[in-house]
Protein backbone atom coordinates (compact mmCIF):
# COMPACT_ATOMS: atom_id res chain seq x y z
CA MET A 1 22.03 40.18 -14.60
CA ALA A 2 22.29 41.44 -10.99
CA ALA A 3 22.34 45.24 -10.48
CA SER A 4 25.65 46.97 -9.55
CA TRP A 5 24.31 48.00 -6.11
CA GLU A 6 23.76 44.34 -5.27
CA TYR A 7 27.41 43.50 -5.90
CA GLU A 8 28.44 46.57 -3.88
CA TRP A 9 26.32 45.37 -0.95
CA LEU A 10 27.95 41.93 -1.08
CA HIS A 11 31.39 43.56 -1.11
CA LYS A 12 30.59 45.54 2.06
CA LEU A 13 29.34 42.43 3.80
CA ALA A 14 32.47 40.50 2.94
CA CYS A 15 35.02 43.26 3.60
CA GLY A 16 33.73 44.86 6.81
CA PRO A 17 35.22 44.41 10.33
CA ALA A 18 36.30 40.87 11.31
CA SER A 19 33.37 40.31 13.68
CA ALA A 20 30.90 41.46 11.07
CA ARG A 21 32.57 39.23 8.47
CA ARG A 22 32.10 36.20 10.71
CA GLU A 23 28.46 37.06 11.42
CA ASN A 24 27.69 37.80 7.80
CA GLN A 25 29.51 34.87 6.20
CA TYR A 26 26.35 32.78 5.85
CA ALA A 27 24.37 35.76 4.53
CA VAL A 28 27.05 36.40 1.91
CA LEU A 29 27.05 32.84 0.67
CA THR A 30 23.26 32.65 0.54
CA ALA A 31 22.94 35.97 -1.27
CA ALA A 32 25.69 35.06 -3.72
CA HIS A 33 23.93 31.84 -4.69
CA ALA A 34 20.68 33.72 -5.19
CA LEU A 35 22.35 36.35 -7.36
CA LEU A 36 24.10 33.73 -9.48
CA ASP A 37 20.74 32.06 -10.14
CA VAL A 38 19.22 35.41 -11.13
CA ALA A 39 22.19 36.10 -13.39
CA ASN A 40 21.93 32.66 -14.95
CA PRO A 41 18.38 31.98 -16.19
CA ARG A 42 19.46 28.53 -17.37
CA ALA A 43 20.34 27.48 -13.80
CA GLN A 44 17.10 28.96 -12.49
CA ASN A 45 15.04 27.02 -15.02
CA LYS A 46 16.91 23.84 -14.09
CA HIS A 47 15.93 24.22 -10.41
CA GLU A 48 12.29 24.86 -11.34
CA GLU A 49 12.27 21.88 -13.68
CA LYS A 50 13.70 19.59 -11.01
CA GLY A 51 11.07 20.65 -8.47
CA GLU A 52 8.25 20.16 -10.94
CA ASN A 53 9.40 16.74 -12.15
CA MET A 54 10.12 15.42 -8.67
CA PHE A 55 6.43 15.13 -7.81
CA LYS A 56 5.02 14.50 -11.25
CA ASP A 57 3.04 11.24 -11.39
CA LEU A 58 4.05 10.44 -7.80
CA PHE A 59 0.93 8.30 -7.29
CA SER A 60 0.58 7.11 -10.88
CA LEU A 61 0.42 3.41 -11.72
CA ASP A 62 0.61 4.06 -15.43
CA GLY A 63 1.55 0.94 -17.39
CA ARG A 64 1.83 -1.37 -14.37
CA ILE A 65 0.58 -4.94 -14.16
CA ALA A 66 -1.15 -6.00 -10.93
CA LEU A 67 -2.75 -9.09 -9.44
CA VAL A 68 -5.32 -8.76 -6.64
CA THR A 69 -6.46 -12.00 -5.04
CA GLY A 70 -10.01 -12.02 -3.71
CA GLY A 71 -10.63 -9.10 -6.05
CA SER A 72 -14.25 -9.75 -6.96
CA ARG A 73 -15.73 -8.00 -3.91
CA GLY A 74 -15.05 -6.04 -0.74
CA ILE A 75 -11.57 -4.73 -0.04
CA GLY A 76 -10.04 -6.51 -3.04
CA LYS A 77 -12.50 -4.85 -5.39
CA MET A 78 -11.81 -1.44 -3.82
CA ILE A 79 -8.08 -1.87 -4.42
CA ALA A 80 -8.49 -3.15 -7.99
CA ALA A 81 -10.70 -0.16 -8.81
CA GLY A 82 -8.15 2.25 -7.35
CA PHE A 83 -5.32 0.74 -9.38
CA LEU A 84 -7.27 1.03 -12.61
CA ALA A 85 -8.26 4.62 -11.78
CA GLN A 86 -4.56 5.48 -11.39
CA GLY A 87 -3.66 4.13 -14.81
CA ALA A 88 -2.66 0.50 -14.27
CA ALA A 89 -2.44 -1.19 -17.65
CA LYS A 90 -3.84 -4.52 -16.45
CA VAL A 91 -5.33 -5.67 -13.17
CA TYR A 92 -5.93 -9.40 -12.76
CA ILE A 93 -8.46 -10.39 -10.10
CA THR A 94 -9.11 -13.83 -8.65
CA ALA A 95 -11.98 -15.47 -6.79
CA ARG A 96 -13.26 -18.99 -6.25
CA LYS A 97 -16.50 -18.36 -8.15
CA ALA A 98 -16.22 -17.60 -11.87
CA GLY A 99 -19.51 -15.68 -12.22
CA PRO A 100 -18.85 -12.91 -9.67
CA CYS A 101 -15.17 -12.69 -10.68
CA GLU A 102 -16.00 -12.11 -14.35
CA ALA A 103 -18.84 -9.72 -13.52
CA THR A 104 -16.55 -7.56 -11.40
CA ALA A 105 -13.81 -7.57 -14.05
CA ASN A 106 -16.29 -6.34 -16.67
CA GLU A 107 -17.72 -3.72 -14.32
CA LEU A 108 -14.34 -2.25 -13.36
CA ALA A 109 -12.99 -2.24 -16.92
CA ALA A 110 -16.08 -0.38 -18.12
CA GLU A 111 -15.96 2.16 -15.29
CA TYR A 112 -12.24 2.95 -15.06
CA GLY A 113 -10.69 1.91 -18.37
CA GLY A 114 -7.63 -0.27 -18.61
CA GLU A 115 -7.93 -4.04 -18.61
CA CYS A 116 -9.44 -5.94 -15.70
CA ILE A 117 -9.08 -9.67 -16.24
CA ALA A 118 -10.80 -12.40 -14.25
CA LEU A 119 -8.87 -15.52 -13.24
CA PRO A 120 -11.32 -17.60 -11.20
CA ILE A 121 -9.03 -20.00 -9.31
CA ASP A 122 -9.32 -21.34 -5.77
CA ILE A 123 -6.03 -20.53 -4.01
CA SER A 124 -6.85 -22.13 -0.66
CA THR A 125 -4.27 -24.85 -1.40
CA VAL A 126 -0.65 -24.74 -2.51
CA ALA A 127 -1.71 -26.50 -5.73
CA GLY A 128 -4.21 -23.68 -6.37
CA CYS A 129 -1.51 -21.05 -5.75
CA GLU A 130 0.79 -22.76 -8.22
CA GLN A 131 -2.02 -22.98 -10.80
CA LEU A 132 -2.69 -19.24 -10.50
CA ALA A 133 1.02 -18.41 -10.71
CA SER A 134 1.35 -20.60 -13.80
CA GLU A 135 -1.52 -18.74 -15.51
CA ILE A 136 -0.01 -15.34 -14.69
CA ILE A 137 3.44 -16.37 -15.91
CA LYS A 138 1.92 -17.56 -19.22
CA LEU A 139 0.30 -14.15 -19.68
CA GLU A 140 2.86 -11.75 -18.21
CA PRO A 141 6.67 -11.97 -18.10
CA LYS A 142 6.67 -9.25 -15.42
CA LEU A 143 4.37 -8.58 -12.46
CA ASP A 144 4.70 -5.14 -10.86
CA ILE A 145 2.22 -5.51 -7.99
CA LEU A 146 0.83 -8.46 -6.05
CA VAL A 147 -1.94 -7.86 -3.52
CA ASN A 148 -2.52 -10.85 -1.24
CA ASN A 149 -6.09 -10.10 -0.21
CA ALA A 150 -7.97 -13.42 -0.37
CA GLY A 151 -8.98 -14.46 3.12
CA ALA A 152 -11.42 -16.28 5.35
CA ALA A 153 -12.77 -15.90 8.89
CA TRP A 154 -14.35 -18.21 11.45
CA GLY A 155 -16.04 -17.47 14.74
CA ALA A 156 -16.97 -19.92 17.51
CA GLU A 157 -16.83 -20.12 21.28
CA PHE A 158 -13.53 -21.27 22.74
CA ASP A 159 -14.83 -24.64 23.96
CA GLU A 160 -16.53 -25.36 20.65
CA PHE A 161 -13.94 -24.06 18.18
CA PRO A 162 -13.40 -26.75 15.48
CA GLU A 163 -10.16 -27.84 13.89
CA SER A 164 -11.72 -27.23 10.48
CA GLY A 165 -12.31 -23.57 11.41
CA TRP A 166 -8.67 -23.26 12.39
CA ASP A 167 -7.21 -24.97 9.33
CA LYS A 168 -9.41 -23.23 6.75
CA VAL A 169 -8.47 -19.77 8.00
CA MET A 170 -4.77 -20.39 8.59
CA ASP A 171 -4.36 -22.15 5.24
CA LEU A 172 -5.85 -19.33 3.17
CA ASN A 173 -4.79 -16.31 5.21
CA VAL A 174 -1.18 -17.33 5.91
CA LYS A 175 -0.06 -20.42 4.00
CA SER A 176 -1.51 -19.41 0.63
CA LEU A 177 -0.19 -15.85 0.99
CA PHE A 178 3.35 -17.15 1.42
CA PHE A 179 3.26 -19.84 -1.26
CA LEU A 180 1.59 -17.64 -3.87
CA THR A 181 4.23 -14.95 -3.37
CA LYS A 182 6.93 -17.61 -3.65
CA ALA A 183 5.36 -19.01 -6.85
CA LEU A 184 5.23 -15.51 -8.37
CA ALA A 185 8.78 -14.56 -7.39
CA LYS A 186 10.05 -14.91 -10.97
CA PRO A 187 7.78 -12.27 -12.60
CA LEU A 188 8.11 -10.02 -9.54
CA ARG A 189 11.91 -10.17 -9.81
CA ALA A 190 11.68 -9.51 -13.54
CA ALA A 191 9.71 -6.31 -12.88
CA ALA A 192 11.85 -5.09 -9.99
CA SER A 193 14.62 -2.51 -10.17
CA ALA A 194 16.25 -0.02 -7.82
CA GLU A 195 14.48 2.79 -9.68
CA ARG A 196 11.07 1.08 -9.61
CA PRO A 197 10.69 -1.72 -7.05
CA ALA A 198 8.08 -4.42 -7.46
CA LYS A 199 5.45 -4.40 -4.72
CA VAL A 200 3.83 -7.10 -2.59
CA ILE A 201 0.98 -5.80 -0.42
CA ASN A 202 -0.48 -8.17 2.15
CA ILE A 203 -3.92 -7.53 3.59
CA ALA A 204 -3.80 -8.11 7.33
CA SER A 205 -6.33 -6.71 9.84
CA ILE A 206 -6.39 -4.62 12.98
CA ASP A 207 -7.42 -7.90 14.65
CA GLY A 208 -3.76 -8.86 14.29
CA ILE A 209 -2.71 -5.78 16.30
CA PHE A 210 -5.31 -5.44 19.06
CA VAL A 211 -7.62 -7.91 20.82
CA ASN A 212 -11.06 -8.07 19.23
CA PRO A 213 -13.69 -9.13 21.79
CA MET A 214 -15.22 -11.50 19.23
CA GLU A 215 -14.10 -15.13 19.46
CA THR A 216 -12.41 -15.35 16.07
CA TYR A 217 -9.32 -17.16 17.31
CA SER A 218 -7.87 -18.45 14.06
CA TYR A 219 -8.60 -15.17 12.24
CA ALA A 220 -6.81 -13.03 14.84
CA ALA A 221 -3.86 -15.44 14.94
CA SER A 222 -3.65 -15.52 11.15
CA LYS A 223 -3.60 -11.73 10.81
CA ALA A 224 -0.95 -11.34 13.50
CA ALA A 225 1.05 -13.93 11.54
CA VAL A 226 0.58 -11.95 8.31
CA ILE A 227 1.97 -8.81 9.97
CA HIS A 228 5.12 -10.56 11.16
CA LEU A 229 5.47 -12.59 7.96
CA THR A 230 5.34 -9.29 6.05
CA ARG A 231 8.37 -8.09 7.98
CA ARG A 232 10.28 -11.33 7.45
CA MET A 233 9.53 -11.47 3.73
CA ALA A 234 10.45 -7.80 3.39
CA ALA A 235 13.85 -8.43 4.97
CA LYS A 236 14.54 -11.09 2.34
CA LEU A 237 13.00 -9.58 -0.80
CA ILE A 238 14.10 -5.96 -0.43
CA LYS A 239 17.58 -7.16 -1.44
CA GLU A 240 16.03 -7.91 -4.84
CA HIS A 241 14.13 -4.60 -5.02
CA ILE A 242 10.77 -6.14 -4.05
CA ASN A 243 9.01 -4.11 -1.35
CA VAL A 244 6.72 -6.09 0.95
CA THR A 245 4.23 -4.14 3.06
CA ALA A 246 0.84 -4.74 4.66
CA ILE A 247 -2.45 -2.97 5.25
CA ALA A 248 -4.47 -3.62 8.41
CA PRO A 249 -8.07 -2.59 7.67
CA GLY A 250 -10.59 -1.75 10.34
CA ALA A 251 -14.33 -1.49 9.70
CA PHE A 252 -15.10 -1.59 5.97
CA LYS A 253 -18.36 -2.69 4.38
CA SER A 254 -17.88 -6.19 3.01
CA ASP A 255 -19.28 -9.70 3.17
CA MET A 256 -16.57 -10.54 5.70
CA ASN A 257 -17.45 -7.56 7.90
CA ARG A 258 -21.22 -7.73 7.90
CA ALA A 259 -21.51 -5.55 10.98
CA ALA A 260 -19.93 -2.62 9.12
CA ARG A 261 -21.95 -3.45 6.01
CA ASP A 262 -25.37 -3.89 7.67
CA HIS A 263 -25.03 -1.74 10.81
CA GLY A 264 -22.60 0.95 9.76
CA ASP A 265 -24.05 3.72 11.95
CA GLU A 266 -23.82 1.57 15.05
CA VAL A 267 -20.27 0.42 14.28
CA ALA A 268 -19.23 4.02 13.54
CA MET A 269 -19.98 5.00 17.14
CA ARG A 270 -17.14 2.70 18.28
CA VAL A 271 -14.66 4.26 15.83
CA PRO A 272 -12.81 7.44 16.91
CA ALA A 273 -13.37 8.95 13.43
CA ARG A 274 -17.11 8.21 13.89
CA ARG A 275 -17.52 6.50 10.55
CA VAL A 276 -16.69 3.25 8.78
CA GLY A 277 -14.13 3.11 5.97
CA THR A 278 -14.92 4.00 2.37
CA ASP A 279 -13.69 2.69 -0.96
CA GLU A 280 -11.45 5.75 -1.25
CA ASP A 281 -9.86 5.11 2.15
CA MET A 282 -8.81 1.61 1.15
CA ALA A 283 -7.84 2.42 -2.45
CA GLY A 284 -5.85 5.44 -1.28
CA VAL A 285 -3.45 3.56 0.98
CA ALA A 286 -3.04 0.73 -1.55
CA ILE A 287 -2.24 3.23 -4.33
CA TYR A 288 0.29 4.93 -2.04
CA LEU A 289 2.11 1.67 -1.30
CA ALA A 290 1.95 0.45 -4.91
CA SER A 291 3.14 3.70 -6.50
CA ARG A 292 6.42 5.61 -6.48
CA ALA A 293 5.15 7.48 -3.42
CA GLY A 294 5.61 4.32 -1.36
CA ASP A 295 8.97 3.18 -2.73
CA TYR A 296 10.78 3.80 0.58
CA VAL A 297 8.19 1.98 2.71
CA VAL A 298 9.43 -1.53 3.46
CA GLY A 299 8.03 -4.07 5.93
CA ASN A 300 5.49 -1.68 7.43
CA THR A 301 1.88 -2.48 8.28
CA ILE A 302 -0.43 0.52 7.98
CA ALA A 303 -3.63 0.48 10.03
CA VAL A 304 -6.53 2.03 8.12
CA ASP A 305 -9.19 2.04 10.80
CA GLY A 306 -10.32 5.52 11.75
CA GLY A 307 -8.18 5.45 14.88
CA VAL A 308 -9.36 2.22 16.54
CA VAL A 309 -5.87 0.87 17.18
CA TYR A 310 -3.76 3.98 17.73
CA ALA A 311 -6.24 6.67 18.79
CA THR A 312 -8.37 4.87 21.36
CA ALA A 313 -7.64 5.58 25.02
CA GLY A 314 -7.16 2.51 27.20
CA SER A 315 -9.13 1.70 30.34
CA GLU A 316 -8.31 3.73 33.43
CA ILE A 317 -6.48 1.66 36.00
CA ALA A 318 -6.46 2.86 39.60
CA GLY A 319 -2.92 3.23 40.93
C-alpha cells in the first residue's frame, strides 16, 4: 500500500492555487497511476507479464512449414539453415539435381535438427511448378512460408546477347516465381490468419535497383520485375493474410556470384561495409521477414548489400 505522506502530497498538488492545479494536473494523474500500481500488486504483475510476453519468441519459427526453392546451395541453403536453426518443423528444399539436393537436406537436418526434406524438381517451366506444388499439397495441408529463391543469370555483350539467354532467365526468375506462388495459394491460404500471416519471400537482387556495369541484361530486368511483382502480389494477397516481401542481396559467396566467392577481398573493397555478405546476414533478414517480427512488413524489398545501393555516394557533377 502507498504511505500516508504520498496521499497527502497528491492532495496538496490537486488542491493548491488554480494556476498550480493546472500546471500539476498531469503530474497528479501520472503519480496516481503509479501509486495505484504499487497498491495493487496484481496490476503491477500484469504489466510486467505483458511486457515480457510481447517479445517472447519474436523471431521464432517454431512449428512452421517452409519451402525454399533453389535450396541446395548458396543463398537458398543459407535461408533454409536459418529457418531450421529458429525451430522450423519442416523445411522443404528444391533443386534440379537430386544428388546435391538430398546431400544438403541431410547435412542441414543433422546440423540444426528439425526435418529438411529434398524435393528435386525442375521448376523452370509452369509444368514443373505445378508438379512441385502437387507434391507439397500431398504432404502438407498448410504451408507457412514460401521462399522463391531459384534463379538463373546470363551475361553477354549487347550485340551478341541471345534470345535463349533472355528466355531462360526471365522464365525462371519471374514466370516460375509467379506461377509457383499461384499453384501454392491453397496451402498458403490454409496457413494464413490475421494473428499469424503466411509469408512469401521473393529473392530479388540489388541489380534490380541499381545499374550493374556488367552486361547481364535479362538478369537485371528480371530482378527489377521481381521487385515490382512483389508489390503487386502483396497488394492482392495481404487481403488474405499472406505477406509478400522481397530480399535484394548484394555480394554473397555462391555459384551465381563467383566474384564474391573466389575474389571476396577484392569485391569487399567496392562495398561500403568493406566485406561480402555472410550466411548470418542472409539468414537473419529471411528469419525476420518469416517470423512474427516481420508481420507488419508488406510489399517491401530489403537490400542486404553492405551499403552498395543506399550508402554509396554518386559521381560528382559540376554545376
